[in-house]
Amino acid sequence: MIAKQINKYINDHYCFFGDEIIPPDCPLLTGNYIDSLSVLEIVCHLEHTFNISINDEEITLENFEKINSIISLVESKLNKEHHVYSSDENTSNETTNEYNQLSKACA
């Protein structure tokens, strides 16, 4: 579901060639589909949509060059968030429930 959402967003907002779609392994930046401003727009969208935080150090060519690399970044952030929640012995039931609802919404 995450891959589908990200794929749809990128293609809806940055593919301007009719019915053509941007393949998941196609270079976005060097292929001139997106520029640096587009990367910032994508970061804002991902942070809002998936309730994650992307650090400045993570905004790299490696992480944003292809749709698949963006998907991997988001999945790793979500997995890391899940690990933090599940390994924290002091996590309240309320916080756990909120996380579970988020997980279901993003899946």
Protein backbone atom coordinates (compact mmCIF):
# COMPACT_ATOMS: atom_id res chain seq x y z
CA MET A 1 0.00 0.00 0.00
CA ILE A 2 2.85 2.40 0.82
CA ALA A 3 4.47 1.75 -2.57
CA LYS A 4 1.18 2.31 -4.36
CA GLN A 5 0.55 5.62 -2.55
CA ILE A 6 4.04 6.94 -3.27
CA ASN A 7 3.96 5.76 -6.89
CA LYS A 8 0.61 7.46 -7.44
CA TYR A 9 1.73 10.72 -5.84
CA ILE A 10 4.93 10.94 -7.91
CA ASN A 11 3.17 10.08 -11.16
CA ASP A 12 0.20 12.39 -10.50
CA HIS A 13 2.42 15.36 -9.68
CA TYR A 14 5.59 14.95 -11.73
CA CYS A 15 4.78 12.96 -14.88
CA PHE A 16 3.73 15.31 -17.65
CA PHE A 17 3.81 12.93 -20.60
CA GLY A 18 0.18 11.97 -21.12
CA ASP A 19 -0.63 8.41 -20.12
CA GLU A 20 3.02 7.49 -19.56
CA ILE A 21 4.04 6.55 -16.03
CA ILE A 22 7.40 6.93 -14.36
CA PRO A 23 8.82 3.44 -13.74
CA PRO A 24 9.85 2.78 -10.11
CA ASP A 25 13.53 2.36 -11.10
CA CYS A 26 13.68 5.37 -13.40
CA PRO A 27 16.04 8.19 -12.33
CA LEU A 28 13.88 11.08 -11.14
CA LEU A 29 16.44 13.84 -10.65
CA THR A 30 18.91 12.97 -13.39
CA GLY A 31 15.97 12.00 -15.63
CA ASN A 32 14.60 15.54 -15.20
CA TYR A 33 11.27 14.45 -13.76
CA ILE A 34 11.91 16.35 -10.53
CA ASP A 35 14.21 19.11 -9.30
CA SER A 36 15.38 20.21 -5.86
CA LEU A 37 12.14 22.07 -5.15
CA SER A 38 10.19 18.95 -6.09
CA VAL A 39 12.25 16.95 -3.60
CA LEU A 40 11.20 19.34 -0.84
CA GLU A 41 7.55 19.04 -1.91
CA ILE A 42 7.86 15.24 -1.84
CA VAL A 43 9.48 15.35 1.62
CA CYS A 44 6.61 17.48 2.95
CA HIS A 45 4.06 15.13 1.41
CA LEU A 46 5.75 12.03 2.87
CA GLU A 47 6.06 13.56 6.33
CA HIS A 48 2.41 14.58 6.34
CA THR A 49 1.01 11.43 4.73
CA PHE A 50 2.98 8.87 6.74
CA ASN A 51 3.50 10.89 9.93
CA ILE A 52 7.28 10.54 9.73
CA SER A 53 10.16 12.95 10.06
CA ILE A 54 12.82 13.08 7.34
CA ASN A 55 16.07 14.68 8.51
CA ASP A 56 18.10 17.00 6.31
CA GLU A 57 20.87 14.37 6.21
CA GLU A 58 18.41 11.91 4.65
CA ILE A 59 17.56 14.22 1.75
CA THR A 60 20.14 12.75 -0.60
CA LEU A 61 20.36 11.72 -4.23
CA GLU A 62 20.51 8.11 -3.08
CA ASN A 63 17.18 8.40 -1.21
CA PHE A 64 15.32 10.46 -3.82
CA GLU A 65 16.74 9.39 -7.17
CA LYS A 66 14.11 6.71 -7.83
CA ILE A 67 10.57 5.97 -6.68
CA ASN A 68 11.84 2.67 -5.25
CA SER A 69 14.46 4.47 -3.16
CA ILE A 70 11.80 6.84 -1.78
CA ILE A 71 9.62 3.83 -0.91
CA SER A 72 12.57 2.18 0.86
CA LEU A 73 13.24 5.34 2.86
CA VAL A 74 9.62 5.60 4.01
CA GLU A 75 9.40 1.90 4.86
CA SER A 76 12.61 2.08 6.89
CA LYS A 77 11.32 5.14 8.76
CA LEU A 78 8.03 3.40 9.53
CA ASN A 79 9.82 0.21 10.63
CA LYS A 80 12.13 2.24 12.86
CA GLU A 81 9.12 4.01 14.41
CA HIS A 82 7.46 0.62 15.00
CA HIS A 83 10.62 -0.72 16.65
CA VAL A 84 10.84 2.31 18.95
CA TYR A 85 7.22 1.88 20.01
CA SER A 86 7.39 -1.87 20.48
CA SER A 87 10.68 -1.84 22.41
CA ASP A 88 9.81 1.01 24.80
CA GLU A 89 8.60 -0.55 28.06
CA ASN A 90 7.12 2.77 29.20
CA THR A 91 4.91 3.25 26.17
CA SER A 92 1.36 3.89 27.26
CA ASN A 93 -1.56 1.95 25.81
CA GLU A 94 -2.88 5.18 24.36
CA THR A 95 0.31 5.81 22.37
CA THR A 96 0.40 2.20 21.21
CA ASN A 97 -3.21 2.44 20.05
CA GLU A 98 -2.46 5.65 18.14
CA TYR A 99 0.48 3.98 16.43
CA ASN A 100 -1.61 0.93 15.52
CA GLN A 101 -4.25 3.17 13.95
CA LEU A 102 -1.55 4.96 11.96
CA SER A 103 -0.07 1.67 10.82
CA LYS A 104 -3.45 0.48 9.58
CA ALA A 105 -4.06 3.77 7.77
CA CYS A 106 -0.70 3.61 5.98
CA ALA A 107 -0.85 -0.08 5.11
